[in-house]
Amino acid sequence: MQTRPIYWATLDSKDVERLPPRVKEPPGEYAGDEWILVRAPAGPMRSLIDKLNRLHNMFPQGLVDSSRERHLDRALELLLAAESGPEGDLVAENLQMRRDYAKETPMLTATQIHKMSGLRSRNTSVPASRWKAEGKIFALRIGGRDHYPAFQFENGAPRSIVKNILALMPPQMTPWQIAFWFASNNGWLNGDKPRECLDNPAAVVDAARQMADIAIG
């Protein structure tokens, strides 16, 4: 049992039999269904359940049940912290955007960067951690460790243009916001994405400068 404002209870087989047909015939079938009755203030609960359904589909089916539940529990915490309405929608949409980005964008771990750099040191976090600290590259924290979008590298080292671009990013921008900027169509680049235009450094730097000027203004 839960305390207010959301009350729920598990239904037994007799309770389920008394449910109306439209409730007992949802789309799809699940092995070992668990029936739960939920009572909550009108409005927020429906929105929350819709977001949870969306979040459920974000996690790969290959995850073991314990991992999947842990991720969903964390997602629920975020949604509840944001409450319902626009804030909760933004949380769900942001999670979806991050998932899509991580799925579609080639990324490297520090160990992979260490290998392609040719270094023979035992500390495989170097040189990635040093390059990140020097502002030559940026990283995205996923699953408890840094992942580096691969477009930042060329011939085993950071593209020099990336440092120039990162230096123009407003200090309040998060790594994910920076990643989305590189991956978004940009009007200053004739609709192309900055990460696709790194061979034209002057144009990308100018686009980054325009973005920084707008953010400051």
C-alpha atoms as a PDB file:
ATOM      1  CA  MET A   1       0.000   0.000   0.000  1.00  0.00           C
ATOM      2  CA  GLN A   2       1.073   3.538  -0.689  1.00  0.00           C
ATOM      3  CA  THR A   3       0.281   6.740   1.145  1.00  0.00           C
ATOM      4  CA  ARG A   4      -1.430   9.674  -0.512  1.00  0.00           C
ATOM      5  CA  PRO A   5      -1.461  11.380  -2.983  1.00  0.00           C
ATOM      6  CA  ILE A   6      -1.145   8.149  -5.025  1.00  0.00           C
ATOM      7  CA  TYR A   7      -2.821   5.052  -3.589  1.00  0.00           C
ATOM      8  CA  TRP A   8      -2.382   1.622  -5.153  1.00  0.00           C
ATOM      9  CA  ALA A   9      -3.188  -1.989  -4.327  1.00  0.00           C
ATOM     10  CA  THR A  10      -2.568  -5.321  -6.043  1.00  0.00           C
ATOM     11  CA  LEU A  11      -5.721  -7.100  -7.282  1.00  0.00           C
ATOM     12  CA  ASP A  12      -6.292 -10.802  -6.715  1.00  0.00           C
ATOM     13  CA  SER A  13      -7.842 -13.127  -9.315  1.00  0.00           C
ATOM     14  CA  LYS A  14     -11.402 -12.502  -8.087  1.00  0.00           C
ATOM     15  CA  ASP A  15     -10.894  -8.737  -8.298  1.00  0.00           C
ATOM     16  CA  VAL A  16      -9.598  -9.097 -11.861  1.00  0.00           C
ATOM     17  CA  GLU A  17     -12.644 -11.174 -12.870  1.00  0.00           C
ATOM     18  CA  ARG A  18     -14.928  -8.320 -11.838  1.00  0.00           C
ATOM     19  CA  LEU A  19     -13.125  -5.793 -14.038  1.00  0.00           C
ATOM     20  CA  PRO A  20     -14.990  -4.567 -17.153  1.00  0.00           C
ATOM     21  CA  PRO A  21     -13.946  -6.196 -20.454  1.00  0.00           C
ATOM     22  CA  ARG A  22     -12.492  -2.984 -21.862  1.00  0.00           C
ATOM     23  CA  VAL A  23      -9.980  -2.989 -19.002  1.00  0.00           C
ATOM     24  CA  LYS A  24      -9.126  -6.693 -19.239  1.00  0.00           C
ATOM     25  CA  GLU A  25      -8.459  -6.612 -22.984  1.00  0.00           C
ATOM     26  CA  PRO A  26      -5.507  -4.248 -23.439  1.00  0.00           C
ATOM     27  CA  PRO A  27      -3.408  -4.448 -26.618  1.00  0.00           C
ATOM     28  CA  GLY A  28      -0.715  -7.081 -26.384  1.00  0.00           C
ATOM     29  CA  GLU A  29      -0.169  -9.909 -23.941  1.00  0.00           C
ATOM     30  CA  TYR A  30       2.247 -10.120 -21.031  1.00  0.00           C
ATOM     31  CA  ALA A  31       3.496 -13.237 -19.280  1.00  0.00           C
ATOM     32  CA  GLY A  32       2.710 -13.228 -15.601  1.00  0.00           C
ATOM     33  CA  ASP A  33       0.577 -10.101 -15.563  1.00  0.00           C
ATOM     34  CA  GLU A  34       0.276  -8.223 -12.311  1.00  0.00           C
ATOM     35  CA  TRP A  35      -2.942  -6.245 -11.892  1.00  0.00           C
ATOM     36  CA  ILE A  36      -2.725  -3.050  -9.861  1.00  0.00           C
ATOM     37  CA  LEU A  37      -5.454  -0.569  -8.988  1.00  0.00           C
ATOM     38  CA  VAL A  38      -4.279   3.042  -8.837  1.00  0.00           C
ATOM     39  CA  ARG A  39      -6.170   5.979  -7.406  1.00  0.00           C
ATOM     40  CA  ALA A  40      -4.729   9.464  -7.759  1.00  0.00           C
ATOM     41  CA  PRO A  41      -5.804  13.077  -8.350  1.00  0.00           C
ATOM     42  CA  ALA A  42      -7.321  13.590 -11.798  1.00  0.00           C
ATOM     43  CA  GLY A  43      -4.880  14.580 -14.509  1.00  0.00           C
ATOM     44  CA  PRO A  44      -1.295  14.029 -13.233  1.00  0.00           C
ATOM     45  CA  MET A  45      -1.459  10.231 -13.053  1.00  0.00           C
ATOM     46  CA  ARG A  46      -2.515   9.814 -16.664  1.00  0.00           C
ATOM     47  CA  SER A  47       0.339  12.074 -17.759  1.00  0.00           C
ATOM     48  CA  LEU A  48       2.828  10.181 -15.600  1.00  0.00           C
ATOM     49  CA  ILE A  49       1.773   6.774 -16.923  1.00  0.00           C
ATOM     50  CA  ASP A  50       2.067   8.042 -20.496  1.00  0.00           C
ATOM     51  CA  LYS A  51       5.634   9.201 -19.795  1.00  0.00           C
ATOM     52  CA  LEU A  52       6.551   5.901 -18.152  1.00  0.00           C
ATOM     53  CA  ASN A  53       5.310   3.986 -21.188  1.00  0.00           C
ATOM     54  CA  ARG A  54       7.481   6.178 -23.390  1.00  0.00           C
ATOM     55  CA  LEU A  55      10.481   5.674 -21.115  1.00  0.00           C
ATOM     56  CA  HIS A  56       9.932   1.899 -21.004  1.00  0.00           C
ATOM     57  CA  ASN A  57      10.496   1.745 -24.760  1.00  0.00           C
ATOM     58  CA  MET A  58      13.756   3.689 -24.525  1.00  0.00           C
ATOM     59  CA  PHE A  59      15.680   0.913 -22.818  1.00  0.00           C
ATOM     60  CA  PRO A  60      16.975  -2.027 -24.901  1.00  0.00           C
ATOM     61  CA  GLN A  61      15.057  -5.271 -24.477  1.00  0.00           C
ATOM     62  CA  GLY A  62      18.372  -7.056 -23.948  1.00  0.00           C
ATOM     63  CA  LEU A  63      18.881  -5.503 -20.525  1.00  0.00           C
ATOM     64  CA  VAL A  64      18.486  -7.966 -17.690  1.00  0.00           C
ATOM     65  CA  ASP A  65      15.402  -7.336 -15.597  1.00  0.00           C
ATOM     66  CA  SER A  66      17.340  -5.925 -12.634  1.00  0.00           C
ATOM     67  CA  SER A  67      19.161  -3.403 -14.822  1.00  0.00           C
ATOM     68  CA  ARG A  68      15.992  -2.431 -16.620  1.00  0.00           C
ATOM     69  CA  GLU A  69      14.144  -1.870 -13.355  1.00  0.00           C
ATOM     70  CA  ARG A  70      17.017   0.212 -11.977  1.00  0.00           C
ATOM     71  CA  HIS A  71      16.966   2.458 -15.041  1.00  0.00           C
ATOM     72  CA  LEU A  72      13.198   2.814 -14.928  1.00  0.00           C
ATOM     73  CA  ASP A  73      13.301   3.612 -11.213  1.00  0.00           C
ATOM     74  CA  ARG A  74      15.783   6.393 -11.890  1.00  0.00           C
ATOM     75  CA  ALA A  75      13.653   7.707 -14.748  1.00  0.00           C
ATOM     76  CA  LEU A  76      10.632   7.712 -12.437  1.00  0.00           C
ATOM     77  CA  GLU A  77      12.579   9.744  -9.881  1.00  0.00           C
ATOM     78  CA  LEU A  78      13.346  12.335 -12.538  1.00  0.00           C
ATOM     79  CA  LEU A  79       9.751  12.526 -13.667  1.00  0.00           C
ATOM     80  CA  LEU A  80       8.430  12.852 -10.145  1.00  0.00           C
ATOM     81  CA  ALA A  81      10.999  15.544  -9.379  1.00  0.00           C
ATOM     82  CA  ALA A  82       9.785  17.465 -12.422  1.00  0.00           C
ATOM     83  CA  GLU A  83       6.167  16.689 -11.514  1.00  0.00           C
ATOM     84  CA  SER A  84       3.658  16.503 -14.350  1.00  0.00           C
ATOM     85  CA  GLY A  85       3.012  18.890 -17.181  1.00  0.00           C
ATOM     86  CA  PRO A  86       5.637  20.684 -19.305  1.00  0.00           C
ATOM     87  CA  GLU A  87       8.544  19.965 -16.948  1.00  0.00           C
ATOM     88  CA  GLY A  88       7.915  16.226 -17.011  1.00  0.00           C
ATOM     89  CA  ASP A  89       7.478  16.305 -20.788  1.00  0.00           C
ATOM     90  CA  LEU A  90      10.852  18.002 -21.135  1.00  0.00           C
ATOM     91  CA  VAL A  91      12.513  15.323 -18.992  1.00  0.00           C
ATOM     92  CA  ALA A  92      11.049  12.529 -21.135  1.00  0.00           C
ATOM     93  CA  GLU A  93      11.903  14.294 -24.400  1.00  0.00           C
ATOM     94  CA  ASN A  94      15.445  15.016 -23.235  1.00  0.00           C
ATOM     95  CA  LEU A  95      15.990  11.390 -22.284  1.00  0.00           C
ATOM     96  CA  GLN A  96      14.704  10.314 -25.705  1.00  0.00           C
ATOM     97  CA  MET A  97      17.030  12.778 -27.459  1.00  0.00           C
ATOM     98  CA  ARG A  98      20.026  11.530 -25.481  1.00  0.00           C
ATOM     99  CA  ARG A  99      19.155   7.917 -26.218  1.00  0.00           C
ATOM    100  CA  ASP A 100      18.807   8.621 -29.936  1.00  0.00           C
ATOM    101  CA  TYR A 101      22.086  10.547 -29.984  1.00  0.00           C
ATOM    102  CA  ALA A 102      23.994   7.781 -28.198  1.00  0.00           C
ATOM    103  CA  LYS A 103      22.492   5.195 -30.542  1.00  0.00           C
ATOM    104  CA  GLU A 104      23.206   7.075 -33.769  1.00  0.00           C
ATOM    105  CA  THR A 105      26.541   8.788 -33.027  1.00  0.00           C
ATOM    106  CA  PRO A 106      29.806   6.792 -33.138  1.00  0.00           C
ATOM    107  CA  MET A 107      31.599   7.272 -29.823  1.00  0.00           C
ATOM    108  CA  LEU A 108      34.896   6.210 -28.306  1.00  0.00           C
ATOM    109  CA  THR A 109      35.908   5.237 -24.782  1.00  0.00           C
ATOM    110  CA  ALA A 110      39.112   6.446 -23.140  1.00  0.00           C
ATOM    111  CA  THR A 111      40.620   2.993 -23.668  1.00  0.00           C
ATOM    112  CA  GLN A 112      39.895   3.103 -27.399  1.00  0.00           C
ATOM    113  CA  ILE A 113      41.391   6.593 -27.651  1.00  0.00           C
ATOM    114  CA  HIS A 114      44.490   5.423 -25.768  1.00  0.00           C
ATOM    115  CA  LYS A 115      44.924   2.586 -28.243  1.00  0.00           C
ATOM    116  CA  MET A 116      44.509   4.705 -31.358  1.00  0.00           C
ATOM    117  CA  SER A 117      46.873   7.377 -29.999  1.00  0.00           C
ATOM    118  CA  GLY A 118      49.746   4.910 -29.997  1.00  0.00           C
ATOM    119  CA  LEU A 119      50.731   5.570 -26.376  1.00  0.00           C
ATOM    120  CA  ARG A 120      52.158   2.662 -24.406  1.00  0.00           C
ATOM    121  CA  SER A 121      51.396   3.899 -20.904  1.00  0.00           C
ATOM    122  CA  ARG A 122      49.472   1.632 -18.533  1.00  0.00           C
ATOM    123  CA  ASN A 123      47.019   4.394 -17.660  1.00  0.00           C
ATOM    124  CA  THR A 124      44.440   3.954 -20.406  1.00  0.00           C
ATOM    125  CA  SER A 125      42.459   7.017 -19.275  1.00  0.00           C
ATOM    126  CA  VAL A 126      45.253   9.112 -20.791  1.00  0.00           C
ATOM    127  CA  PRO A 127      45.393  10.927 -23.186  1.00  0.00           C
ATOM    128  CA  ALA A 128      41.588  11.323 -23.323  1.00  0.00           C
ATOM    129  CA  SER A 129      41.301  12.763 -19.804  1.00  0.00           C
ATOM    130  CA  ARG A 130      44.158  15.199 -20.453  1.00  0.00           C
ATOM    131  CA  TRP A 131      42.732  16.361 -23.783  1.00  0.00           C
ATOM    132  CA  LYS A 132      39.356  16.869 -22.125  1.00  0.00           C
ATOM    133  CA  ALA A 133      40.917  18.928 -19.307  1.00  0.00           C
ATOM    134  CA  GLU A 134      42.770  21.027 -21.890  1.00  0.00           C
ATOM    135  CA  GLY A 135      39.509  21.822 -23.690  1.00  0.00           C
ATOM    136  CA  LYS A 136      40.544  20.006 -26.854  1.00  0.00           C
ATOM    137  CA  ILE A 137      37.570  17.608 -26.759  1.00  0.00           C
ATOM    138  CA  PHE A 138      34.353  17.093 -24.801  1.00  0.00           C
ATOM    139  CA  ALA A 139      32.838  13.957 -23.330  1.00  0.00           C
ATOM    140  CA  LEU A 140      29.364  12.673 -22.534  1.00  0.00           C
ATOM    141  CA  ARG A 141      28.838  10.814 -19.269  1.00  0.00           C
ATOM    142  CA  ILE A 142      26.964   7.605 -20.069  1.00  0.00           C
ATOM    143  CA  GLY A 143      26.716   4.586 -17.804  1.00  0.00           C
ATOM    144  CA  GLY A 144      29.150   6.055 -15.298  1.00  0.00           C
ATOM    145  CA  ARG A 145      32.015   6.732 -17.704  1.00  0.00           C
ATOM    146  CA  ASP A 146      33.026   9.243 -20.338  1.00  0.00           C
ATOM    147  CA  HIS A 147      32.225   8.635 -24.004  1.00  0.00           C
ATOM    148  CA  TYR A 148      33.776  10.837 -26.667  1.00  0.00           C
ATOM    149  CA  PRO A 149      31.943  11.536 -29.957  1.00  0.00           C
ATOM    150  CA  ALA A 150      34.279  10.175 -32.644  1.00  0.00           C
ATOM    151  CA  PHE A 151      33.959  13.142 -35.026  1.00  0.00           C
ATOM    152  CA  GLN A 152      36.329  15.076 -32.751  1.00  0.00           C
ATOM    153  CA  PHE A 153      39.296  12.925 -33.770  1.00  0.00           C
ATOM    154  CA  GLU A 154      41.467  12.548 -36.823  1.00  0.00           C
ATOM    155  CA  ASN A 155      44.505  10.280 -37.179  1.00  0.00           C
ATOM    156  CA  GLY A 156      44.438   9.376 -33.505  1.00  0.00           C
ATOM    157  CA  ALA A 157      44.411  12.931 -32.189  1.00  0.00           C
ATOM    158  CA  PRO A 158      41.876  15.714 -31.583  1.00  0.00           C
ATOM    159  CA  ARG A 159      40.984  17.897 -34.534  1.00  0.00           C
ATOM    160  CA  SER A 160      42.487  21.298 -33.779  1.00  0.00           C
ATOM    161  CA  ILE A 161      39.267  23.001 -34.879  1.00  0.00           C
ATOM    162  CA  VAL A 162      37.312  21.368 -32.040  1.00  0.00           C
ATOM    163  CA  LYS A 163      39.271  23.260 -29.373  1.00  0.00           C
ATOM    164  CA  ASN A 164      38.615  26.550 -31.173  1.00  0.00           C
ATOM    165  CA  ILE A 165      34.893  25.794 -31.291  1.00  0.00           C
ATOM    166  CA  LEU A 166      34.671  24.678 -27.664  1.00  0.00           C
ATOM    167  CA  ALA A 167      36.393  27.881 -26.571  1.00  0.00           C
ATOM    168  CA  LEU A 168      33.474  29.821 -28.051  1.00  0.00           C
ATOM    169  CA  MET A 169      30.769  27.827 -26.268  1.00  0.00           C
ATOM    170  CA  PRO A 170      29.021  29.754 -23.468  1.00  0.00           C
ATOM    171  CA  PRO A 171      30.335  28.458 -20.110  1.00  0.00           C
ATOM    172  CA  GLN A 172      26.856  27.478 -18.937  1.00  0.00           C
ATOM    173  CA  MET A 173      26.396  24.982 -21.777  1.00  0.00           C
ATOM    174  CA  THR A 174      26.416  21.350 -20.694  1.00  0.00           C
ATOM    175  CA  PRO A 175      28.273  18.634 -22.648  1.00  0.00           C
ATOM    176  CA  TRP A 176      24.933  17.332 -23.938  1.00  0.00           C
ATOM    177  CA  GLN A 177      23.933  20.799 -25.152  1.00  0.00           C
ATOM    178  CA  ILE A 178      27.277  21.062 -26.940  1.00  0.00           C
ATOM    179  CA  ALA A 179      26.755  17.639 -28.498  1.00  0.00           C
ATOM    180  CA  PHE A 180      23.295  18.615 -29.745  1.00  0.00           C
ATOM    181  CA  TRP A 181      24.699  21.852 -31.208  1.00  0.00           C
ATOM    182  CA  PHE A 182      27.247  19.887 -33.235  1.00  0.00           C
ATOM    183  CA  ALA A 183      24.495  17.506 -34.392  1.00  0.00           C
ATOM    184  CA  SER A 184      21.807  20.079 -35.291  1.00  0.00           C
ATOM    185  CA  ASN A 185      21.136  21.706 -38.641  1.00  0.00           C
ATOM    186  CA  ASN A 186      22.649  25.179 -38.565  1.00  0.00           C
ATOM    187  CA  GLY A 187      21.395  28.155 -40.531  1.00  0.00           C
ATOM    188  CA  TRP A 188      24.872  29.713 -40.581  1.00  0.00           C
ATOM    189  CA  LEU A 189      26.103  26.576 -42.385  1.00  0.00           C
ATOM    190  CA  ASN A 190      23.338  26.481 -44.998  1.00  0.00           C
ATOM    191  CA  GLY A 191      21.415  23.971 -42.927  1.00  0.00           C
ATOM    192  CA  ASP A 192      24.304  21.535 -42.499  1.00  0.00           C
ATOM    193  CA  LYS A 193      25.386  20.133 -39.152  1.00  0.00           C
ATOM    194  CA  PRO A 194      28.570  21.601 -37.618  1.00  0.00           C
ATOM    195  CA  ARG A 195      30.108  18.172 -37.101  1.00  0.00           C
ATOM    196  CA  GLU A 196      29.779  17.568 -40.857  1.00  0.00           C
ATOM    197  CA  CYS A 197      31.584  20.800 -41.700  1.00  0.00           C
ATOM    198  CA  LEU A 198      34.799  20.478 -39.703  1.00  0.00           C
ATOM    199  CA  ASP A 199      36.824  20.475 -42.921  1.00  0.00           C
ATOM    200  CA  ASN A 200      35.654  24.080 -43.354  1.00  0.00           C
ATOM    201  CA  PRO A 201      36.964  25.443 -40.046  1.00  0.00           C
ATOM    202  CA  ALA A 202      36.402  29.131 -40.774  1.00  0.00           C
ATOM    203  CA  ALA A 203      32.685  28.579 -41.423  1.00  0.00           C
ATOM    204  CA  VAL A 204      32.134  26.406 -38.336  1.00  0.00           C
ATOM    205  CA  VAL A 205      34.019  28.799 -36.072  1.00  0.00           C
ATOM    206  CA  ASP A 206      31.914  31.661 -37.417  1.00  0.00           C
ATOM    207  CA  ALA A 207      28.735  29.655 -36.735  1.00  0.00           C
ATOM    208  CA  ALA A 208      29.902  28.959 -33.179  1.00  0.00           C
ATOM    209  CA  ARG A 209      30.721  32.627 -32.682  1.00  0.00           C
ATOM    210  CA  GLN A 210      27.236  33.632 -33.818  1.00  0.00           C
ATOM    211  CA  MET A 211      25.684  31.161 -31.402  1.00  0.00           C
ATOM    212  CA  ALA A 212      27.821  32.485 -28.551  1.00  0.00           C
ATOM    213  CA  ASP A 213      26.915  36.085 -29.363  1.00  0.00           C
ATOM    214  CA  ILE A 214      23.206  35.234 -29.307  1.00  0.00           C
ATOM    215  CA  ALA A 215      23.509  33.382 -26.011  1.00  0.00           C
ATOM    216  CA  ILE A 216      25.340  36.283 -24.351  1.00  0.00           C
ATOM    217  CA  GLY A 217      22.986  38.908 -25.748  1.00  0.00           C
END
